[in-house]
């Protein structure tokens, strides 16, 4: 696709573009201007030289790009059988110690190639003959580079193609509602269904739930839950999660994904038991019409 270092411009990152950050840090208030504490930890955002505004440090810095099956996002009920140009940078606004994709989400800012929004949109259009339907913002957490997603999505939409967001859904209301009109489909990673569980990884459950509700009224939404024995597998929490999703819509697809030891959970942990997966599947199927097991 792109040669390493393509684009060449190292100064493409805008300042905050009117946004102070990509994740709330205020216990769930949707209208607050968050600080850089959460997203700055992984190097994706920082304070501008004047010390007054937050700037994107990963704008146009692509660590991974591939033409993937749409089902890999995973999206099973959005243009099935198609492919999508999938683009990722570095950084995440949550701190999951079991991250299944830490090689990318926690990648060094040095391990990138510069690719500008126009180049990605042009490449997406070029690949239409190979079954490509648009661009997916994925691999790392795209919301920590929300300006780049916004700028690219506008150009992709202008070319008549689709925009897909693969996200943890942890953003403040203003950012979420600004981005939603540009997004055709998304998969939201609902990490668990306990407030304490979300606090451990630096997030807020109610923020993510509200964003799922908002998105479901605006675009195609599917949800993934990475199930981990002893972490987020309590039957009552599984049932509560399924009840919430069914209240949004019983047609909303749920992907139950199997954990494998990775990152800080590489030692001392086992892959999720299949019995745990099947238990959640049974609970979810009693409430939702489309339930899928992943990585089994």
C-alpha atoms as a PDB file:
ATOM      1  CA  UNK A   1       0.000   0.000   0.000  1.00  0.00           C
ATOM      2  CA  UNK A   2       1.985   2.966   1.280  1.00  0.00           C
ATOM      3  CA  UNK A   3       5.752   3.037   1.428  1.00  0.00           C
ATOM      4  CA  UNK A   4       7.244   3.645   4.863  1.00  0.00           C
ATOM      5  CA  UNK A   5       7.305   7.345   5.573  1.00  0.00           C
ATOM      6  CA  UNK A   6       4.908   8.176   2.754  1.00  0.00           C
ATOM      7  CA  UNK A   7       3.461  11.643   2.863  1.00  0.00           C
ATOM      8  CA  UNK A   8       6.615  12.997   4.365  1.00  0.00           C
ATOM      9  CA  UNK A   9       5.000  15.792   6.364  1.00  0.00           C
ATOM     10  CA  UNK A  10       5.889  15.547  10.026  1.00  0.00           C
ATOM     11  CA  UNK A  11       4.083  18.764  10.955  1.00  0.00           C
ATOM     12  CA  UNK A  12       0.579  17.676   9.987  1.00  0.00           C
ATOM     13  CA  UNK A  13      -0.798  17.520  13.523  1.00  0.00           C
ATOM     14  CA  UNK A  14      -3.273  20.283  14.309  1.00  0.00           C
ATOM     15  CA  UNK A  15      -3.763  21.692  17.746  1.00  0.00           C
ATOM     16  CA  UNK A  16      -6.922  20.644  19.507  1.00  0.00           C
ATOM     17  CA  UNK A  17      -9.261  21.707  16.681  1.00  0.00           C
ATOM     18  CA  UNK A  18     -11.713  22.898  19.287  1.00  0.00           C
ATOM     19  CA  UNK A  19     -11.467  19.721  21.384  1.00  0.00           C
ATOM     20  CA  UNK A  20      -9.475  19.590  24.565  1.00  0.00           C
ATOM     21  CA  UNK A  21      -9.176  15.829  24.763  1.00  0.00           C
ATOM     22  CA  UNK A  22     -10.552  12.470  23.696  1.00  0.00           C
ATOM     23  CA  UNK A  23     -11.847  11.027  26.960  1.00  0.00           C
ATOM     24  CA  UNK A  24     -13.703  12.316  29.984  1.00  0.00           C
ATOM     25  CA  UNK A  25     -11.865  12.180  33.291  1.00  0.00           C
ATOM     26  CA  UNK A  26     -14.622  13.648  35.400  1.00  0.00           C
ATOM     27  CA  UNK A  27     -16.507  10.563  36.531  1.00  0.00           C
ATOM     28  CA  UNK A  28     -18.827  10.485  33.572  1.00  0.00           C
ATOM     29  CA  UNK A  29     -19.877  14.091  32.972  1.00  0.00           C
ATOM     30  CA  UNK A  30     -20.398  14.315  29.243  1.00  0.00           C
ATOM     31  CA  UNK A  31     -19.826  18.038  28.788  1.00  0.00           C
ATOM     32  CA  UNK A  32     -16.547  18.539  30.604  1.00  0.00           C
ATOM     33  CA  UNK A  33     -13.283  19.497  28.913  1.00  0.00           C
ATOM     34  CA  UNK A  34     -11.009  16.725  30.215  1.00  0.00           C
ATOM     35  CA  UNK A  35      -7.344  17.038  31.033  1.00  0.00           C
ATOM     36  CA  UNK A  36      -4.544  15.137  29.316  1.00  0.00           C
ATOM     37  CA  UNK A  37      -3.897  12.794  32.206  1.00  0.00           C
ATOM     38  CA  UNK A  38      -5.537   9.695  30.716  1.00  0.00           C
ATOM     39  CA  UNK A  39      -4.637   9.907  27.038  1.00  0.00           C
ATOM     40  CA  UNK A  40      -1.270  11.529  27.595  1.00  0.00           C
ATOM     41  CA  UNK A  41      -0.032   8.419  29.377  1.00  0.00           C
ATOM     42  CA  UNK A  42       0.430   6.576  26.078  1.00  0.00           C
ATOM     43  CA  UNK A  43       1.892   9.499  24.161  1.00  0.00           C
ATOM     44  CA  UNK A  44      -0.996  10.195  21.781  1.00  0.00           C
ATOM     45  CA  UNK A  45      -1.864  13.645  23.111  1.00  0.00           C
ATOM     46  CA  UNK A  46       0.042  16.348  24.915  1.00  0.00           C
ATOM     47  CA  UNK A  47       0.046  19.977  25.907  1.00  0.00           C
ATOM     48  CA  UNK A  48       0.898  22.460  23.178  1.00  0.00           C
ATOM     49  CA  UNK A  49       4.081  24.560  23.581  1.00  0.00           C
ATOM     50  CA  UNK A  50       2.109  27.493  24.951  1.00  0.00           C
ATOM     51  CA  UNK A  51       0.946  25.241  27.752  1.00  0.00           C
ATOM     52  CA  UNK A  52      -2.668  26.189  27.132  1.00  0.00           C
ATOM     53  CA  UNK A  53      -4.103  23.681  24.655  1.00  0.00           C
ATOM     54  CA  UNK A  54      -3.994  19.944  24.105  1.00  0.00           C
ATOM     55  CA  UNK A  55      -2.613  18.790  20.769  1.00  0.00           C
ATOM     56  CA  UNK A  56      -2.760  15.504  18.882  1.00  0.00           C
ATOM     57  CA  UNK A  57       0.650  13.868  18.741  1.00  0.00           C
ATOM     58  CA  UNK A  58      -0.394  10.956  16.512  1.00  0.00           C
ATOM     59  CA  UNK A  59      -2.045  12.865  13.645  1.00  0.00           C
ATOM     60  CA  UNK A  60      -1.269  10.976  10.442  1.00  0.00           C
ATOM     61  CA  UNK A  61       1.098   8.599  12.223  1.00  0.00           C
ATOM     62  CA  UNK A  62      -0.017   5.184  11.029  1.00  0.00           C
ATOM     63  CA  UNK A  63       1.352   2.079  12.757  1.00  0.00           C
ATOM     64  CA  UNK A  64      -0.784  -0.457  10.894  1.00  0.00           C
ATOM     65  CA  UNK A  65      -2.785  -0.513   7.665  1.00  0.00           C
ATOM     66  CA  UNK A  66      -4.420  -3.490   5.941  1.00  0.00           C
ATOM     67  CA  UNK A  67      -7.356  -4.487   3.769  1.00  0.00           C
ATOM     68  CA  UNK A  68      -9.405  -6.660   6.136  1.00  0.00           C
ATOM     69  CA  UNK A  69     -12.631  -8.634   5.904  1.00  0.00           C
ATOM     70  CA  UNK A  70     -15.389  -6.555   7.494  1.00  0.00           C
ATOM     71  CA  UNK A  71     -16.112  -9.485   9.823  1.00  0.00           C
ATOM     72  CA  UNK A  72     -12.684  -9.001  11.426  1.00  0.00           C
ATOM     73  CA  UNK A  73     -13.703  -5.679  13.035  1.00  0.00           C
ATOM     74  CA  UNK A  74     -15.944  -7.547  14.049  1.00  0.00           C
ATOM     75  CA  UNK A  75     -19.047  -6.502  12.113  1.00  0.00           C
ATOM     76  CA  UNK A  76     -21.158  -9.475  11.102  1.00  0.00           C
ATOM     77  CA  UNK A  77     -24.290  -7.652   9.976  1.00  0.00           C
ATOM     78  CA  UNK A  78     -22.880  -4.692   8.052  1.00  0.00           C
ATOM     79  CA  UNK A  79     -22.103  -5.391   4.392  1.00  0.00           C
ATOM     80  CA  UNK A  80     -21.122  -9.016   5.101  1.00  0.00           C
ATOM     81  CA  UNK A  81     -18.536 -10.441   2.740  1.00  0.00           C
ATOM     82  CA  UNK A  82     -17.024  -7.043   1.973  1.00  0.00           C
ATOM     83  CA  UNK A  83     -13.550  -5.759   2.820  1.00  0.00           C
ATOM     84  CA  UNK A  84     -12.456  -2.521   4.437  1.00  0.00           C
ATOM     85  CA  UNK A  85      -9.223  -0.548   4.519  1.00  0.00           C
ATOM     86  CA  UNK A  86      -8.254  -0.635   8.193  1.00  0.00           C
ATOM     87  CA  UNK A  87      -5.993   2.038   9.654  1.00  0.00           C
ATOM     88  CA  UNK A  88      -4.510   2.413  13.114  1.00  0.00           C
ATOM     89  CA  UNK A  89      -2.136   4.715  14.958  1.00  0.00           C
ATOM     90  CA  UNK A  90      -0.876   4.430  18.549  1.00  0.00           C
ATOM     91  CA  UNK A  91      -2.411   5.223  21.905  1.00  0.00           C
ATOM     92  CA  UNK A  92      -5.421   4.361  24.024  1.00  0.00           C
ATOM     93  CA  UNK A  93      -7.386   6.220  26.680  1.00  0.00           C
ATOM     94  CA  UNK A  94      -7.900   3.102  28.822  1.00  0.00           C
ATOM     95  CA  UNK A  95      -5.272   1.018  30.608  1.00  0.00           C
ATOM     96  CA  UNK A  96      -6.433  -2.593  30.289  1.00  0.00           C
ATOM     97  CA  UNK A  97      -3.628  -4.843  31.591  1.00  0.00           C
ATOM     98  CA  UNK A  98      -4.962  -7.684  29.417  1.00  0.00           C
ATOM     99  CA  UNK A  99      -4.888  -5.677  26.159  1.00  0.00           C
ATOM    100  CA  UNK A 100      -5.057  -8.074  23.219  1.00  0.00           C
ATOM    101  CA  UNK A 101      -3.536  -5.541  20.830  1.00  0.00           C
ATOM    102  CA  UNK A 102      -0.904  -3.831  22.958  1.00  0.00           C
ATOM    103  CA  UNK A 103       1.785  -4.098  20.273  1.00  0.00           C
ATOM    104  CA  UNK A 104      -0.154  -1.462  18.350  1.00  0.00           C
ATOM    105  CA  UNK A 105      -2.178   0.397  20.959  1.00  0.00           C
ATOM    106  CA  UNK A 106       0.929   0.849  23.108  1.00  0.00           C
ATOM    107  CA  UNK A 107       3.371   1.192  20.200  1.00  0.00           C
ATOM    108  CA  UNK A 108       6.241   3.621  20.408  1.00  0.00           C
ATOM    109  CA  UNK A 109       5.501   6.929  18.677  1.00  0.00           C
ATOM    110  CA  UNK A 110       8.676   6.229  16.653  1.00  0.00           C
ATOM    111  CA  UNK A 111       7.179   3.147  14.991  1.00  0.00           C
ATOM    112  CA  UNK A 112       4.966   4.851  12.424  1.00  0.00           C
ATOM    113  CA  UNK A 113       4.752   6.088   8.860  1.00  0.00           C
ATOM    114  CA  UNK A 114       3.166   9.421   8.008  1.00  0.00           C
ATOM    115  CA  UNK A 115       0.013   9.068   5.903  1.00  0.00           C
ATOM    116  CA  UNK A 116      -2.319  12.018   5.442  1.00  0.00           C
ATOM    117  CA  UNK A 117      -6.136  11.872   5.276  1.00  0.00           C
ATOM    118  CA  UNK A 118      -6.160  12.555   1.513  1.00  0.00           C
ATOM    119  CA  UNK A 119      -3.864   9.598   0.898  1.00  0.00           C
ATOM    120  CA  UNK A 120      -6.015   7.231   2.927  1.00  0.00           C
ATOM    121  CA  UNK A 121      -9.203   8.364   1.190  1.00  0.00           C
ATOM    122  CA  UNK A 122      -7.557   7.980  -2.222  1.00  0.00           C
ATOM    123  CA  UNK A 123      -6.261   4.519  -1.342  1.00  0.00           C
ATOM    124  CA  UNK A 124      -9.717   3.475  -0.138  1.00  0.00           C
ATOM    125  CA  UNK A 125     -11.222   4.525  -3.456  1.00  0.00           C
ATOM    126  CA  UNK A 126      -8.469   2.751  -5.398  1.00  0.00           C
ATOM    127  CA  UNK A 127      -9.198  -0.487  -3.537  1.00  0.00           C
ATOM    128  CA  UNK A 128     -12.924  -0.421  -4.318  1.00  0.00           C
ATOM    129  CA  UNK A 129     -12.251  -2.865  -7.153  1.00  0.00           C
ATOM    130  CA  UNK A 130     -10.959  -5.342  -4.569  1.00  0.00           C
ATOM    131  CA  UNK A 131     -14.184  -5.235  -2.564  1.00  0.00           C
ATOM    132  CA  UNK A 132     -13.268  -2.328  -0.313  1.00  0.00           C
ATOM    133  CA  UNK A 133     -16.238  -0.338   0.995  1.00  0.00           C
ATOM    134  CA  UNK A 134     -14.378   2.379   2.917  1.00  0.00           C
ATOM    135  CA  UNK A 135     -12.114   2.951   5.907  1.00  0.00           C
ATOM    136  CA  UNK A 136     -12.130   1.466   9.410  1.00  0.00           C
ATOM    137  CA  UNK A 137     -10.417   3.374  12.214  1.00  0.00           C
ATOM    138  CA  UNK A 138      -9.154   0.549  14.377  1.00  0.00           C
ATOM    139  CA  UNK A 139      -6.225  -1.380  15.923  1.00  0.00           C
ATOM    140  CA  UNK A 140      -5.544   1.274  18.558  1.00  0.00           C
ATOM    141  CA  UNK A 141      -8.214   3.501  20.145  1.00  0.00           C
ATOM    142  CA  UNK A 142      -9.136   5.933  17.348  1.00  0.00           C
ATOM    143  CA  UNK A 143     -10.721   8.446  19.704  1.00  0.00           C
ATOM    144  CA  UNK A 144      -7.311   9.547  21.003  1.00  0.00           C
ATOM    145  CA  UNK A 145      -6.668  10.774  17.458  1.00  0.00           C
ATOM    146  CA  UNK A 146     -10.162  12.059  16.868  1.00  0.00           C
ATOM    147  CA  UNK A 147      -9.050  14.993  14.706  1.00  0.00           C
ATOM    148  CA  UNK A 148      -7.426  12.616  12.225  1.00  0.00           C
ATOM    149  CA  UNK A 149     -10.522  10.393  12.182  1.00  0.00           C
ATOM    150  CA  UNK A 150     -12.734  13.420  11.573  1.00  0.00           C
ATOM    151  CA  UNK A 151     -10.616  14.801   8.741  1.00  0.00           C
ATOM    152  CA  UNK A 152     -10.216  11.429   7.036  1.00  0.00           C
ATOM    153  CA  UNK A 153     -13.860  10.457   7.479  1.00  0.00           C
ATOM    154  CA  UNK A 154     -15.012  13.630   5.759  1.00  0.00           C
ATOM    155  CA  UNK A 155     -12.889  12.833   2.697  1.00  0.00           C
ATOM    156  CA  UNK A 156     -13.959   9.169   2.665  1.00  0.00           C
ATOM    157  CA  UNK A 157     -17.620  10.208   2.851  1.00  0.00           C
ATOM    158  CA  UNK A 158     -17.070  12.682  -0.020  1.00  0.00           C
ATOM    159  CA  UNK A 159     -15.879   9.752  -2.136  1.00  0.00           C
ATOM    160  CA  UNK A 160     -19.112   7.898  -1.467  1.00  0.00           C
ATOM    161  CA  UNK A 161     -17.540   5.300   0.806  1.00  0.00           C
ATOM    162  CA  UNK A 162     -18.213   4.047   4.329  1.00  0.00           C
ATOM    163  CA  UNK A 163     -16.587   4.967   7.639  1.00  0.00           C
ATOM    164  CA  UNK A 164     -16.319   2.366  10.397  1.00  0.00           C
ATOM    165  CA  UNK A 165     -15.195   3.080  13.967  1.00  0.00           C
ATOM    166  CA  UNK A 166     -13.813   0.337  16.223  1.00  0.00           C
ATOM    167  CA  UNK A 167     -13.719   1.931  19.643  1.00  0.00           C
ATOM    168  CA  UNK A 168     -14.068   1.548  23.393  1.00  0.00           C
ATOM    169  CA  UNK A 169     -16.726   4.271  23.273  1.00  0.00           C
ATOM    170  CA  UNK A 170     -15.134   6.336  26.025  1.00  0.00           C
ATOM    171  CA  UNK A 171     -15.505   9.937  24.824  1.00  0.00           C
ATOM    172  CA  UNK A 172     -17.300  13.025  25.974  1.00  0.00           C
ATOM    173  CA  UNK A 173     -20.668  13.952  24.504  1.00  0.00           C
ATOM    174  CA  UNK A 174     -19.489  16.849  22.344  1.00  0.00           C
ATOM    175  CA  UNK A 175     -16.822  14.785  20.581  1.00  0.00           C
ATOM    176  CA  UNK A 176     -19.120  11.787  20.158  1.00  0.00           C
ATOM    177  CA  UNK A 177     -21.943  13.792  18.614  1.00  0.00           C
ATOM    178  CA  UNK A 178     -19.535  15.648  16.339  1.00  0.00           C
ATOM    179  CA  UNK A 179     -18.128  12.393  14.978  1.00  0.00           C
ATOM    180  CA  UNK A 180     -21.358  10.389  14.708  1.00  0.00           C
ATOM    181  CA  UNK A 181     -22.685  12.050  11.509  1.00  0.00           C
ATOM    182  CA  UNK A 182     -19.566  10.827   9.689  1.00  0.00           C
ATOM    183  CA  UNK A 183     -19.757   7.202  10.882  1.00  0.00           C
ATOM    184  CA  UNK A 184     -21.741   4.489   9.093  1.00  0.00           C
ATOM    185  CA  UNK A 185     -21.031   1.605  11.479  1.00  0.00           C
ATOM    186  CA  UNK A 186     -19.118   0.914  14.645  1.00  0.00           C
ATOM    187  CA  UNK A 187     -18.130  -1.827  16.994  1.00  0.00           C
ATOM    188  CA  UNK A 188     -17.974  -0.723  20.624  1.00  0.00           C
ATOM    189  CA  UNK A 189     -15.881  -2.718  23.062  1.00  0.00           C
ATOM    190  CA  UNK A 190     -17.986  -2.891  26.213  1.00  0.00           C
ATOM    191  CA  UNK A 191     -15.289  -4.035  28.625  1.00  0.00           C
ATOM    192  CA  UNK A 192     -17.542  -5.312  31.373  1.00  0.00           C
ATOM    193  CA  UNK A 193     -20.566  -4.285  33.363  1.00  0.00           C
ATOM    194  CA  UNK A 194     -19.246  -3.134  36.710  1.00  0.00           C
ATOM    195  CA  UNK A 195     -18.434   0.426  37.780  1.00  0.00           C
ATOM    196  CA  UNK A 196     -15.434  -0.791  39.750  1.00  0.00           C
ATOM    197  CA  UNK A 197     -14.186  -2.777  36.788  1.00  0.00           C
ATOM    198  CA  UNK A 198     -14.228   0.335  34.609  1.00  0.00           C
ATOM    199  CA  UNK A 199     -12.559   2.471  37.254  1.00  0.00           C
ATOM    200  CA  UNK A 200      -9.667  -0.002  37.381  1.00  0.00           C
ATOM    201  CA  UNK A 201      -8.900   0.639  33.712  1.00  0.00           C
ATOM    202  CA  UNK A 202      -9.415   4.403  33.883  1.00  0.00           C
ATOM    203  CA  UNK A 203     -12.898   4.587  32.383  1.00  0.00           C
ATOM    204  CA  UNK A 204     -16.539   5.075  33.276  1.00  0.00           C
ATOM    205  CA  UNK A 205     -19.275   2.552  32.490  1.00  0.00           C
ATOM    206  CA  UNK A 206     -22.143   5.056  32.289  1.00  0.00           C
ATOM    207  CA  UNK A 207     -20.293   7.156  29.708  1.00  0.00           C
ATOM    208  CA  UNK A 208     -19.826   4.129  27.451  1.00  0.00           C
ATOM    209  CA  UNK A 209     -23.441   2.997  27.907  1.00  0.00           C
ATOM    210  CA  UNK A 210     -24.768   6.425  26.996  1.00  0.00           C
ATOM    211  CA  UNK A 211     -22.542   6.548  23.930  1.00  0.00           C
ATOM    212  CA  UNK A 212     -23.796   3.151  22.786  1.00  0.00           C
ATOM    213  CA  UNK A 213     -27.377   4.414  23.073  1.00  0.00           C
ATOM    214  CA  UNK A 214     -26.576   7.561  21.121  1.00  0.00           C
ATOM    215  CA  UNK A 215     -24.740   5.681  18.393  1.00  0.00           C
ATOM    216  CA  UNK A 216     -27.444   3.047  17.980  1.00  0.00           C
ATOM    217  CA  UNK A 217     -29.852   5.775  16.965  1.00  0.00           C
ATOM    218  CA  UNK A 218     -27.499   7.166  14.331  1.00  0.00           C
ATOM    219  CA  UNK A 219     -25.593   4.291  12.702  1.00  0.00           C
ATOM    220  CA  UNK A 220     -25.170   0.527  12.648  1.00  0.00           C
ATOM    221  CA  UNK A 221     -23.750  -0.653  15.995  1.00  0.00           C
ATOM    222  CA  UNK A 222     -22.362  -3.974  17.149  1.00  0.00           C
ATOM    223  CA  UNK A 223     -20.828  -4.597  20.573  1.00  0.00           C
ATOM    224  CA  UNK A 224     -17.914  -6.769  21.669  1.00  0.00           C
ATOM    225  CA  UNK A 225     -17.143  -8.004  25.167  1.00  0.00           C
ATOM    226  CA  UNK A 226     -13.763  -9.615  25.846  1.00  0.00           C
ATOM    227  CA  UNK A 227     -14.678 -12.195  28.475  1.00  0.00           C
ATOM    228  CA  UNK A 228     -12.046 -12.971  31.124  1.00  0.00           C
ATOM    229  CA  UNK A 229     -12.434 -15.618  33.821  1.00  0.00           C
ATOM    230  CA  UNK A 230     -12.433 -14.029  37.255  1.00  0.00           C
ATOM    231  CA  UNK A 231     -12.601 -10.468  35.914  1.00  0.00           C
ATOM    232  CA  UNK A 232     -15.904  -9.744  34.156  1.00  0.00           C
ATOM    233  CA  UNK A 233     -17.637 -13.130  34.114  1.00  0.00           C
ATOM    234  CA  UNK A 234     -20.048 -12.829  37.057  1.00  0.00           C
ATOM    235  CA  UNK A 235     -23.407 -14.220  35.843  1.00  0.00           C
ATOM    236  CA  UNK A 236     -25.360 -11.299  37.291  1.00  0.00           C
ATOM    237  CA  UNK A 237     -23.157  -8.819  35.417  1.00  0.00           C
ATOM    238  CA  UNK A 238     -23.465 -10.834  32.208  1.00  0.00           C
ATOM    239  CA  UNK A 239     -27.235 -10.740  32.549  1.00  0.00           C
ATOM    240  CA  UNK A 240     -27.247  -7.015  33.314  1.00  0.00           C
ATOM    241  CA  UNK A 241     -25.118  -6.301  30.245  1.00  0.00           C
ATOM    242  CA  UNK A 242     -27.407  -8.340  28.012  1.00  0.00           C
ATOM    243  CA  UNK A 243     -30.469  -6.612  29.518  1.00  0.00           C
ATOM    244  CA  UNK A 244     -28.964  -3.206  28.766  1.00  0.00           C
ATOM    245  CA  UNK A 245     -28.139  -4.107  25.168  1.00  0.00           C
ATOM    246  CA  UNK A 246     -31.600  -5.596  24.635  1.00  0.00           C
ATOM    247  CA  UNK A 247     -33.117  -2.383  25.955  1.00  0.00           C
ATOM    248  CA  UNK A 248     -31.135  -0.483  23.318  1.00  0.00           C
ATOM    249  CA  UNK A 249     -32.350  -3.015  20.731  1.00  0.00           C
ATOM    250  CA  UNK A 250     -32.771  -6.798  20.797  1.00  0.00           C
ATOM    251  CA  UNK A 251     -31.417  -6.700  17.221  1.00  0.00           C
ATOM    252  CA  UNK A 252     -28.087  -5.274  18.378  1.00  0.00           C
ATOM    253  CA  UNK A 253     -25.367  -7.894  17.655  1.00  0.00           C
ATOM    254  CA  UNK A 254     -23.143  -8.968  20.550  1.00  0.00           C
ATOM    255  CA  UNK A 255     -19.730 -10.552  20.024  1.00  0.00           C
ATOM    256  CA  UNK A 256     -18.405 -12.491  23.014  1.00  0.00           C
ATOM    257  CA  UNK A 257     -14.658 -12.674  22.497  1.00  0.00           C
ATOM    258  CA  UNK A 258     -12.307 -15.127  24.162  1.00  0.00           C
ATOM    259  CA  UNK A 259      -9.378 -13.733  26.134  1.00  0.00           C
ATOM    260  CA  UNK A 260      -5.880 -15.089  25.582  1.00  0.00           C
ATOM    261  CA  UNK A 261      -2.967 -14.210  27.888  1.00  0.00           C
ATOM    262  CA  UNK A 262      -1.385 -11.006  26.599  1.00  0.00           C
ATOM    263  CA  UNK A 263       0.466  -7.916  27.799  1.00  0.00           C
ATOM    264  CA  UNK A 264       0.556  -7.709  31.611  1.00  0.00           C
ATOM    265  CA  UNK A 265      -1.684 -10.775  31.821  1.00  0.00           C
ATOM    266  CA  UNK A 266       0.725 -12.869  29.762  1.00  0.00           C
ATOM    267  CA  UNK A 267       1.840 -14.745  32.880  1.00  0.00           C
ATOM    268  CA  UNK A 268      -0.374 -16.345  35.495  1.00  0.00           C
ATOM    269  CA  UNK A 269      -3.561 -16.295  33.454  1.00  0.00           C
ATOM    270  CA  UNK A 270      -5.283 -18.812  31.210  1.00  0.00           C
ATOM    271  CA  UNK A 271      -7.438 -18.380  28.133  1.00  0.00           C
ATOM    272  CA  UNK A 272     -11.128 -17.962  28.922  1.00  0.00           C
ATOM    273  CA  UNK A 273     -12.753 -21.321  29.540  1.00  0.00           C
ATOM    274  CA  UNK A 274     -15.154 -22.390  26.820  1.00  0.00           C
ATOM    275  CA  UNK A 275     -17.713 -23.155  29.527  1.00  0.00           C
ATOM    276  CA  UNK A 276     -17.614 -19.477  30.554  1.00  0.00           C
ATOM    277  CA  UNK A 277     -18.108 -18.444  26.934  1.00  0.00           C
ATOM    278  CA  UNK A 278     -21.080 -20.777  26.519  1.00  0.00           C
ATOM    279  CA  UNK A 279     -22.670 -19.572  29.751  1.00  0.00           C
ATOM    280  CA  UNK A 280     -22.607 -15.946  28.588  1.00  0.00           C
ATOM    281  CA  UNK A 281     -23.821 -17.022  25.158  1.00  0.00           C
ATOM    282  CA  UNK A 282     -26.869 -18.702  26.724  1.00  0.00           C
ATOM    283  CA  UNK A 283     -27.583 -15.672  28.919  1.00  0.00           C
ATOM    284  CA  UNK A 284     -27.270 -13.279  25.979  1.00  0.00           C
ATOM    285  CA  UNK A 285     -29.317 -15.378  23.561  1.00  0.00           C
ATOM    286  CA  UNK A 286     -32.241 -15.273  25.956  1.00  0.00           C
ATOM    287  CA  UNK A 287     -32.302 -11.496  25.391  1.00  0.00           C
ATOM    288  CA  UNK A 288     -30.604 -10.742  22.054  1.00  0.00           C
ATOM    289  CA  UNK A 289     -31.228 -12.150  18.575  1.00  0.00           C
ATOM    290  CA  UNK A 290     -27.656 -12.012  17.251  1.00  0.00           C
ATOM    291  CA  UNK A 291     -24.947 -13.412  19.520  1.00  0.00           C
ATOM    292  CA  UNK A 292     -21.549 -14.577  18.245  1.00  0.00           C
ATOM    293  CA  UNK A 293     -18.583 -16.267  19.903  1.00  0.00           C
ATOM    294  CA  UNK A 294     -15.141 -15.044  18.824  1.00  0.00           C
ATOM    295  CA  UNK A 295     -11.620 -16.505  19.093  1.00  0.00           C
ATOM    296  CA  UNK A 296     -12.945 -19.962  19.949  1.00  0.00           C
END
